[in-house]
Amino acid sequence: MKIQIAAACMAALVISTGAMAQVGTTVKEGAKATAEKSKEVGDNIKASGQSQPDKTVTKAKAKVHHAKANHHAGEAKDAGKDIPK
């Protein structure tokens, strides 16, 4: 009887640890997406006050931040789907 209870406790622990890892991944990727989006907005604002060719370079950096933000948002969404209900 004690072995069955111990096995059930271990199984519950493993499942809950996996769920917490997915929540952590979701939060981490969401924070990265937010940071990249902020950098994108900052670069766009900076570019609005610049003249060529600096403006082109800054706009290109903003596009890179936009792509990274989309990637991290997708990773967060995928990790959120894996969280057991």
PDB file of N, CA and C in Angstrom:
ATOM      1  N   MET A   1       0.821  -1.192   0.000  1.00  0.00           N
ATOM      2  CA  MET A   1       0.000   0.000   0.000  1.00  0.00           C
ATOM      3  C   MET A   1       0.862   1.251   0.000  1.00  0.00           C
ATOM      4  N   LYS A   2       1.955   1.240   0.798  1.00  0.00           N
ATOM      5  CA  LYS A   2       2.835   2.400   0.864  1.00  0.00           C
ATOM      6  C   LYS A   2       3.531   2.648  -0.468  1.00  0.00           C
ATOM      7  N   ILE A   3       3.852   1.577  -1.181  1.00  0.00           N
ATOM      8  CA  ILE A   3       4.513   1.712  -2.475  1.00  0.00           C
ATOM      9  C   ILE A   3       3.580   2.377  -3.478  1.00  0.00           C
ATOM     10  N   GLN A   4       2.297   2.025  -3.442  1.00  0.00           N
ATOM     11  CA  GLN A   4       1.322   2.610  -4.360  1.00  0.00           C
ATOM     12  C   GLN A   4       1.150   4.102  -4.073  1.00  0.00           C
ATOM     13  N   ILE A   5       1.098   4.469  -2.808  1.00  0.00           N
ATOM     14  CA  ILE A   5       0.956   5.875  -2.439  1.00  0.00           C
ATOM     15  C   ILE A   5       2.198   6.654  -2.870  1.00  0.00           C
ATOM     16  N   ALA A   6       3.372   6.074  -2.644  1.00  0.00           N
ATOM     17  CA  ALA A   6       4.619   6.723  -3.046  1.00  0.00           C
ATOM     18  C   ALA A   6       4.674   6.895  -4.565  1.00  0.00           C
ATOM     19  N   ALA A   7       4.241   5.877  -5.299  1.00  0.00           N
ATOM     20  CA  ALA A   7       4.237   5.960  -6.758  1.00  0.00           C
ATOM     21  C   ALA A   7       3.271   7.033  -7.242  1.00  0.00           C
ATOM     22  N   ALA A   8       2.111   7.124  -6.614  1.00  0.00           N
ATOM     23  CA  ALA A   8       1.132   8.147  -6.985  1.00  0.00           C
ATOM     24  C   ALA A   8       1.674   9.537  -6.696  1.00  0.00           C
ATOM     25  N   CYS A   9       2.361   9.697  -5.575  1.00  0.00           N
ATOM     26  CA  CYS A   9       2.958  10.997  -5.229  1.00  0.00           C
ATOM     27  C   CYS A   9       4.048  11.381  -6.219  1.00  0.00           C
ATOM     28  N   MET A  10       4.864  10.416  -6.600  1.00  0.00           N
ATOM     29  CA  MET A  10       5.931  10.684  -7.572  1.00  0.00           C
ATOM     30  C   MET A  10       5.346  11.074  -8.923  1.00  0.00           C
ATOM     31  N   ALA A  11       4.297  10.391  -9.328  1.00  0.00           N
ATOM     32  CA  ALA A  11       3.656  10.710 -10.608  1.00  0.00           C
ATOM     33  C   ALA A  11       3.084  12.121 -10.581  1.00  0.00           C
ATOM     34  N   ALA A  12       2.439  12.485  -9.487  1.00  0.00           N
ATOM     35  CA  ALA A  12       1.882  13.829  -9.360  1.00  0.00           C
ATOM     36  C   ALA A  12       2.978  14.882  -9.377  1.00  0.00           C
ATOM     37  N   LEU A  13       4.085  14.583  -8.739  1.00  0.00           N
ATOM     38  CA  LEU A  13       5.212  15.514  -8.707  1.00  0.00           C
ATOM     39  C   LEU A  13       5.794  15.723 -10.097  1.00  0.00           C
ATOM     40  N   VAL A  14       5.949  14.649 -10.842  1.00  0.00           N
ATOM     41  CA  VAL A  14       6.498  14.746 -12.197  1.00  0.00           C
ATOM     42  C   VAL A  14       5.568  15.555 -13.094  1.00  0.00           C
ATOM     43  N   ILE A  15       4.279  15.316 -13.009  1.00  0.00           N
ATOM     44  CA  ILE A  15       3.314  16.046 -13.826  1.00  0.00           C
ATOM     45  C   ILE A  15       3.307  17.523 -13.469  1.00  0.00           C
ATOM     46  N   SER A  16       3.307  17.847 -12.187  1.00  0.00           N
ATOM     47  CA  SER A  16       3.262  19.257 -11.786  1.00  0.00           C
ATOM     48  C   SER A  16       4.553  19.976 -12.147  1.00  0.00           C
ATOM     49  N   THR A  17       5.681  19.289 -12.085  1.00  0.00           N
ATOM     50  CA  THR A  17       6.958  19.895 -12.463  1.00  0.00           C
ATOM     51  C   THR A  17       6.958  20.221 -13.950  1.00  0.00           C
ATOM     52  N   GLY A  18       6.432  19.338 -14.754  1.00  0.00           N
ATOM     53  CA  GLY A  18       6.335  19.591 -16.193  1.00  0.00           C
ATOM     54  C   GLY A  18       5.439  20.771 -16.500  1.00  0.00           C
ATOM     55  N   ALA A  19       4.337  20.899 -15.786  1.00  0.00           N
ATOM     56  CA  ALA A  19       3.429  22.022 -15.992  1.00  0.00           C
ATOM     57  C   ALA A  19       4.095  23.334 -15.612  1.00  0.00           C
ATOM     58  N   MET A  20       4.830  23.331 -14.506  1.00  0.00           N
ATOM     59  CA  MET A  20       5.502  24.556 -14.074  1.00  0.00           C
ATOM     60  C   MET A  20       6.585  24.960 -15.074  1.00  0.00           C
ATOM     61  N   ALA A  21       7.254  23.994 -15.675  1.00  0.00           N
ATOM     62  CA  ALA A  21       8.280  24.308 -16.669  1.00  0.00           C
ATOM     63  C   ALA A  21       7.659  24.981 -17.879  1.00  0.00           C
ATOM     64  N   GLN A  22       6.489  24.503 -18.297  1.00  0.00           N
ATOM     65  CA  GLN A  22       5.820  25.106 -19.443  1.00  0.00           C
ATOM     66  C   GLN A  22       5.340  26.517 -19.120  1.00  0.00           C
ATOM     67  N   VAL A  23       4.863  26.731 -17.913  1.00  0.00           N
ATOM     68  CA  VAL A  23       4.433  28.073 -17.510  1.00  0.00           C
ATOM     69  C   VAL A  23       5.636  29.005 -17.518  1.00  0.00           C
ATOM     70  N   GLY A  24       6.762  28.518 -17.002  1.00  0.00           N
ATOM     71  CA  GLY A  24       7.977  29.325 -16.988  1.00  0.00           C
ATOM     72  C   GLY A  24       8.422  29.696 -18.392  1.00  0.00           C
ATOM     73  N   THR A  25       8.349  28.740 -19.320  1.00  0.00           N
ATOM     74  CA  THR A  25       8.716  29.008 -20.710  1.00  0.00           C
ATOM     75  C   THR A  25       7.777  30.029 -21.321  1.00  0.00           C
ATOM     76  N   THR A  26       6.495  29.891 -21.043  1.00  0.00           N
ATOM     77  CA  THR A  26       5.515  30.825 -21.580  1.00  0.00           C
ATOM     78  C   THR A  26       5.799  32.241 -21.096  1.00  0.00           C
ATOM     79  N   VAL A  27       6.050  32.384 -19.816  1.00  0.00           N
ATOM     80  CA  VAL A  27       6.316  33.706 -19.245  1.00  0.00           C
ATOM     81  C   VAL A  27       7.619  34.272 -19.798  1.00  0.00           C
ATOM     82  N   LYS A  28       8.649  33.448 -19.879  1.00  0.00           N
ATOM     83  CA  LYS A  28       9.954  33.902 -20.362  1.00  0.00           C
ATOM     84  C   LYS A  28       9.869  34.367 -21.812  1.00  0.00           C
ATOM     85  N   GLU A  29       9.233  33.581 -22.665  1.00  0.00           N
ATOM     86  CA  GLU A  29       9.114  33.953 -24.076  1.00  0.00           C
ATOM     87  C   GLU A  29       8.219  35.177 -24.245  1.00  0.00           C
ATOM     88  N   GLY A  30       7.176  35.281 -23.425  1.00  0.00           N
ATOM     89  CA  GLY A  30       6.317  36.465 -23.480  1.00  0.00           C
ATOM     90  C   GLY A  30       7.075  37.734 -23.106  1.00  0.00           C
ATOM     91  N   ALA A  31       7.934  37.618 -22.122  1.00  0.00           N
ATOM     92  CA  ALA A  31       8.744  38.778 -21.710  1.00  0.00           C
ATOM     93  C   ALA A  31       9.733  39.163 -22.803  1.00  0.00           C
ATOM     94  N   LYS A  32      10.320  38.170 -23.462  1.00  0.00           N
ATOM     95  CA  LYS A  32      11.243  38.461 -24.560  1.00  0.00           C
ATOM     96  C   LYS A  32      10.510  39.152 -25.709  1.00  0.00           C
ATOM     97  N   ALA A  33       9.298  38.693 -26.004  1.00  0.00           N
ATOM     98  CA  ALA A  33       8.513  39.313 -27.075  1.00  0.00           C
ATOM     99  C   ALA A  33       8.211  40.769 -26.746  1.00  0.00           C
ATOM    100  N   THR A  34       7.860  41.026 -25.497  1.00  0.00           N
ATOM    101  CA  THR A  34       7.563  42.397 -25.075  1.00  0.00           C
ATOM    102  C   THR A  34       8.805  43.281 -25.179  1.00  0.00           C
ATOM    103  N   ALA A  35       9.943  42.757 -24.780  1.00  0.00           N
ATOM    104  CA  ALA A  35      11.187  43.527 -24.853  1.00  0.00           C
ATOM    105  C   ALA A  35      11.544  43.860 -26.298  1.00  0.00           C
ATOM    106  N   GLU A  36      11.401  42.885 -27.183  1.00  0.00           N
ATOM    107  CA  GLU A  36      11.717  43.135 -28.591  1.00  0.00           C
ATOM    108  C   GLU A  36      10.749  44.143 -29.200  1.00  0.00           C
ATOM    109  N   LYS A  37       9.485  44.067 -28.821  1.00  0.00           N
ATOM    110  CA  LYS A  37       8.500  45.019 -29.331  1.00  0.00           C
ATOM    111  C   LYS A  37       8.848  46.430 -28.867  1.00  0.00           C
ATOM    112  N   SER A  38       9.291  46.567 -27.637  1.00  0.00           N
ATOM    113  CA  SER A  38       9.699  47.874 -27.118  1.00  0.00           C
ATOM    114  C   SER A  38      10.897  48.418 -27.889  1.00  0.00           C
ATOM    115  N   LYS A  39      11.852  47.550 -28.195  1.00  0.00           N
ATOM    116  CA  LYS A  39      13.017  47.971 -28.976  1.00  0.00           C
ATOM    117  C   LYS A  39      12.599  48.409 -30.377  1.00  0.00           C
ATOM    118  N   GLU A  40      11.634  47.684 -30.955  1.00  0.00           N
ATOM    119  CA  GLU A  40      11.136  48.046 -32.284  1.00  0.00           C
ATOM    120  C   GLU A  40      10.518  49.435 -32.268  1.00  0.00           C
ATOM    121  N   VAL A  41       9.677  49.678 -31.292  1.00  0.00           N
ATOM    122  CA  VAL A  41       9.021  50.985 -31.182  1.00  0.00           C
ATOM    123  C   VAL A  41      10.065  52.080 -30.973  1.00  0.00           C
ATOM    124  N   GLY A  42      11.045  51.813 -30.124  1.00  0.00           N
ATOM    125  CA  GLY A  42      12.110  52.788 -29.888  1.00  0.00           C
ATOM    126  C   GLY A  42      12.889  53.110 -31.152  1.00  0.00           C
ATOM    127  N   ASP A  43      13.202  52.083 -31.934  1.00  0.00           N
ATOM    128  CA  ASP A  43      13.925  52.310 -33.181  1.00  0.00           C
ATOM    129  C   ASP A  43      13.079  53.091 -34.184  1.00  0.00           C
ATOM    130  N   ASN A  44      11.792  52.806 -34.243  1.00  0.00           N
ATOM    131  CA  ASN A  44      10.921  53.561 -35.152  1.00  0.00           C
ATOM    132  C   ASN A  44      10.835  55.030 -34.751  1.00  0.00           C
ATOM    133  N   ILE A  45      10.761  55.289 -33.467  1.00  0.00           N
ATOM    134  CA  ILE A  45      10.723  56.672 -32.996  1.00  0.00           C
ATOM    135  C   ILE A  45      12.048  57.366 -33.305  1.00  0.00           C
ATOM    136  N   LYS A  46      13.140  56.656 -33.069  1.00  0.00           N
ATOM    137  CA  LYS A  46      14.466  57.220 -33.355  1.00  0.00           C
ATOM    138  C   LYS A  46      14.603  57.529 -34.847  1.00  0.00           C
ATOM    139  N   ALA A  47      14.108  56.628 -35.694  1.00  0.00           N
ATOM    140  CA  ALA A  47      14.213  56.814 -37.146  1.00  0.00           C
ATOM    141  C   ALA A  47      13.406  58.008 -37.626  1.00  0.00           C
ATOM    142  N   SER A  48      12.332  58.325 -36.933  1.00  0.00           N
ATOM    143  CA  SER A  48      11.490  59.438 -37.384  1.00  0.00           C
ATOM    144  C   SER A  48      12.213  60.781 -37.300  1.00  0.00           C
ATOM    145  N   GLY A  49      13.215  60.869 -36.442  1.00  0.00           N
ATOM    146  CA  GLY A  49      13.956  62.123 -36.311  1.00  0.00           C
ATOM    147  C   GLY A  49      15.279  62.124 -37.042  1.00  0.00           C
ATOM    148  N   GLN A  50      15.577  61.085 -37.792  1.00  0.00           N
ATOM    149  CA  GLN A  50      16.849  60.983 -38.480  1.00  0.00           C
ATOM    150  C   GLN A  50      16.707  61.280 -39.960  1.00  0.00           C
ATOM    151  N   SER A  51      17.844  61.547 -40.585  1.00  0.00           N
ATOM    152  CA  SER A  51      17.858  61.704 -42.030  1.00  0.00           C
ATOM    153  C   SER A  51      18.569  60.498 -42.642  1.00  0.00           C
ATOM    154  N   GLN A  52      18.468  60.378 -43.969  1.00  0.00           N
ATOM    155  CA  GLN A  52      19.101  59.260 -44.654  1.00  0.00           C
ATOM    156  C   GLN A  52      20.610  59.390 -44.520  1.00  0.00           C
ATOM    157  N   PRO A  53      21.412  58.365 -44.485  1.00  0.00           N
ATOM    158  CA  PRO A  53      21.130  56.941 -44.522  1.00  0.00           C
ATOM    159  C   PRO A  53      20.875  56.335 -43.147  1.00  0.00           C
ATOM    160  N   ASP A  54      21.055  57.139 -42.075  1.00  0.00           N
ATOM    161  CA  ASP A  54      20.853  56.610 -40.722  1.00  0.00           C
ATOM    162  C   ASP A  54      19.430  56.099 -40.522  1.00  0.00           C
ATOM    163  N   LYS A  55      18.484  56.771 -41.153  1.00  0.00           N
ATOM    164  CA  LYS A  55      17.082  56.384 -41.014  1.00  0.00           C
ATOM    165  C   LYS A  55      16.856  54.967 -41.551  1.00  0.00           C
ATOM    166  N   THR A  56      17.471  54.649 -42.671  1.00  0.00           N
ATOM    167  CA  THR A  56      17.327  53.327 -43.280  1.00  0.00           C
ATOM    168  C   THR A  56      17.900  52.241 -42.371  1.00  0.00           C
ATOM    169  N   VAL A  57      19.048  52.519 -41.788  1.00  0.00           N
ATOM    170  CA  VAL A  57      19.675  51.550 -40.890  1.00  0.00           C
ATOM    171  C   VAL A  57      18.800  51.311 -39.670  1.00  0.00           C
ATOM    172  N   THR A  58      18.279  52.382 -39.090  1.00  0.00           N
ATOM    173  CA  THR A  58      17.439  52.254 -37.898  1.00  0.00           C
ATOM    174  C   THR A  58      16.141  51.523 -38.221  1.00  0.00           C
ATOM    175  N   LYS A  59      15.555  51.794 -39.382  1.00  0.00           N
ATOM    176  CA  LYS A  59      14.335  51.087 -39.794  1.00  0.00           C
ATOM    177  C   LYS A  59      14.614  49.597 -39.981  1.00  0.00           C
ATOM    178  N   ALA A  60      15.791  49.254 -40.497  1.00  0.00           N
ATOM    179  CA  ALA A  60      16.157  47.843 -40.667  1.00  0.00           C
ATOM    180  C   ALA A  60      16.286  47.170 -39.308  1.00  0.00           C
ATOM    181  N   LYS A  61      16.865  47.869 -38.337  1.00  0.00           N
ATOM    182  CA  LYS A  61      16.964  47.313 -36.978  1.00  0.00           C
ATOM    183  C   LYS A  61      15.580  47.091 -36.392  1.00  0.00           C
ATOM    184  N   ALA A  62      14.667  48.020 -36.652  1.00  0.00           N
ATOM    185  CA  ALA A  62      13.297  47.882 -36.152  1.00  0.00           C
ATOM    186  C   ALA A  62      12.628  46.646 -36.746  1.00  0.00           C
ATOM    187  N   LYS A  63      12.888  46.380 -38.016  1.00  0.00           N
ATOM    188  CA  LYS A  63      12.306  45.191 -38.654  1.00  0.00           C
ATOM    189  C   LYS A  63      12.848  43.906 -38.034  1.00  0.00           C
ATOM    190  N   VAL A  64      14.131  43.917 -37.666  1.00  0.00           N
ATOM    191  CA  VAL A  64      14.720  42.749 -37.012  1.00  0.00           C
ATOM    192  C   VAL A  64      14.060  42.521 -35.651  1.00  0.00           C
ATOM    193  N   HIS A  65      13.870  43.614 -34.903  1.00  0.00           N
ATOM    194  CA  HIS A  65      13.202  43.493 -33.600  1.00  0.00           C
ATOM    195  C   HIS A  65      11.769  42.991 -33.771  1.00  0.00           C
ATOM    196  N   HIS A  66      11.105  43.428 -34.817  1.00  0.00           N
ATOM    197  CA  HIS A  66       9.730  42.990 -35.083  1.00  0.00           C
ATOM    198  C   HIS A  66       9.704  41.474 -35.342  1.00  0.00           C
ATOM    199  N   ALA A  67      10.649  40.997 -36.138  1.00  0.00           N
ATOM    200  CA  ALA A  67      10.712  39.563 -36.437  1.00  0.00           C
ATOM    201  C   ALA A  67      11.007  38.752 -35.177  1.00  0.00           C
ATOM    202  N   LYS A  68      11.926  39.245 -34.351  1.00  0.00           N
ATOM    203  CA  LYS A  68      12.245  38.540 -33.105  1.00  0.00           C
ATOM    204  C   LYS A  68      11.047  38.522 -32.167  1.00  0.00           C
ATOM    205  N   ALA A  69      10.313  39.633 -32.110  1.00  0.00           N
ATOM    206  CA  ALA A  69       9.129  39.693 -31.250  1.00  0.00           C
ATOM    207  C   ALA A  69       8.088  38.683 -31.701  1.00  0.00           C
ATOM    208  N   ASN A  70       7.881  38.586 -32.999  1.00  0.00           N
ATOM    209  CA  ASN A  70       6.923  37.606 -33.526  1.00  0.00           C
ATOM    210  C   ASN A  70       7.368  36.179 -33.215  1.00  0.00           C
ATOM    211  N   HIS A  71       8.663  35.920 -33.323  1.00  0.00           N
ATOM    212  CA  HIS A  71       9.179  34.583 -33.016  1.00  0.00           C
ATOM    213  C   HIS A  71       8.932  34.230 -31.545  1.00  0.00           C
ATOM    214  N   HIS A  72       9.277  35.145 -30.645  1.00  0.00           N
ATOM    215  CA  HIS A  72       9.110  34.872 -29.217  1.00  0.00           C
ATOM    216  C   HIS A  72       7.629  34.751 -28.841  1.00  0.00           C
ATOM    217  N   ALA A  73       6.780  35.537 -29.476  1.00  0.00           N
ATOM    218  CA  ALA A  73       5.343  35.432 -29.205  1.00  0.00           C
ATOM    219  C   ALA A  73       4.816  34.068 -29.647  1.00  0.00           C
ATOM    220  N   GLY A  74       5.300  33.586 -30.774  1.00  0.00           N
ATOM    221  CA  GLY A  74       4.901  32.257 -31.249  1.00  0.00           C
ATOM    222  C   GLY A  74       5.376  31.153 -30.314  1.00  0.00           C
ATOM    223  N   GLU A  75       6.613  31.295 -29.816  1.00  0.00           N
ATOM    224  CA  GLU A  75       7.137  30.315 -28.865  1.00  0.00           C
ATOM    225  C   GLU A  75       6.315  30.312 -27.578  1.00  0.00           C
ATOM    226  N   ALA A  76       5.930  31.494 -27.116  1.00  0.00           N
ATOM    227  CA  ALA A  76       5.123  31.581 -25.897  1.00  0.00           C
ATOM    228  C   ALA A  76       3.754  30.943 -26.112  1.00  0.00           C
ATOM    229  N   LYS A  77       3.182  31.179 -27.279  1.00  0.00           N
ATOM    230  CA  LYS A  77       1.866  30.589 -27.589  1.00  0.00           C
ATOM    231  C   LYS A  77       1.952  29.064 -27.641  1.00  0.00           C
ATOM    232  N   ASP A  78       3.005  28.556 -28.283  1.00  0.00           N
ATOM    233  CA  ASP A  78       3.187  27.101 -28.365  1.00  0.00           C
ATOM    234  C   ASP A  78       3.417  26.487 -26.980  1.00  0.00           C
ATOM    235  N   ALA A  79       4.209  27.150 -26.160  1.00  0.00           N
ATOM    236  CA  ALA A  79       4.459  26.638 -24.804  1.00  0.00           C
ATOM    237  C   ALA A  79       3.171  26.667 -23.983  1.00  0.00           C
ATOM    238  N   GLY A  80       2.348  27.674 -24.196  1.00  0.00           N
ATOM    239  CA  GLY A  80       1.077  27.755 -23.472  1.00  0.00           C
ATOM    240  C   GLY A  80       0.126  26.640 -23.837  1.00  0.00           C
ATOM    241  N   LYS A  81       0.202  26.175 -25.086  1.00  0.00           N
ATOM    242  CA  LYS A  81      -0.657  25.071 -25.512  1.00  0.00           C
ATOM    243  C   LYS A  81      -0.277  23.759 -24.830  1.00  0.00           C
ATOM    244  N   ASP A  82       0.994  23.645 -24.442  1.00  0.00           N
ATOM    245  CA  ASP A  82       1.477  22.405 -23.845  1.00  0.00           C
ATOM    246  C   ASP A  82       1.195  22.303 -22.357  1.00  0.00           C
ATOM    247  N   ILE A  83       0.680  23.362 -21.744  1.00  0.00           N
ATOM    248  CA  ILE A  83       0.394  23.335 -20.309  1.00  0.00           C
ATOM    249  C   ILE A  83      -0.834  22.456 -20.090  1.00  0.00           C
ATOM    250  N   PRO A  84      -0.709  21.432 -19.251  1.00  0.00           N
ATOM    251  CA  PRO A  84      -1.872  20.566 -18.979  1.00  0.00           C
ATOM    252  C   PRO A  84      -2.988  21.353 -18.301  1.00  0.00           C
ATOM    253  N   LYS A  85      -4.168  21.055 -18.707  1.00  0.00           N
ATOM    254  CA  LYS A  85      -5.329  21.776 -18.151  1.00  0.00           C
ATOM    255  C   LYS A  85      -5.758  21.157 -16.843  1.00  0.00           C
TER     256      LYS A  85
END
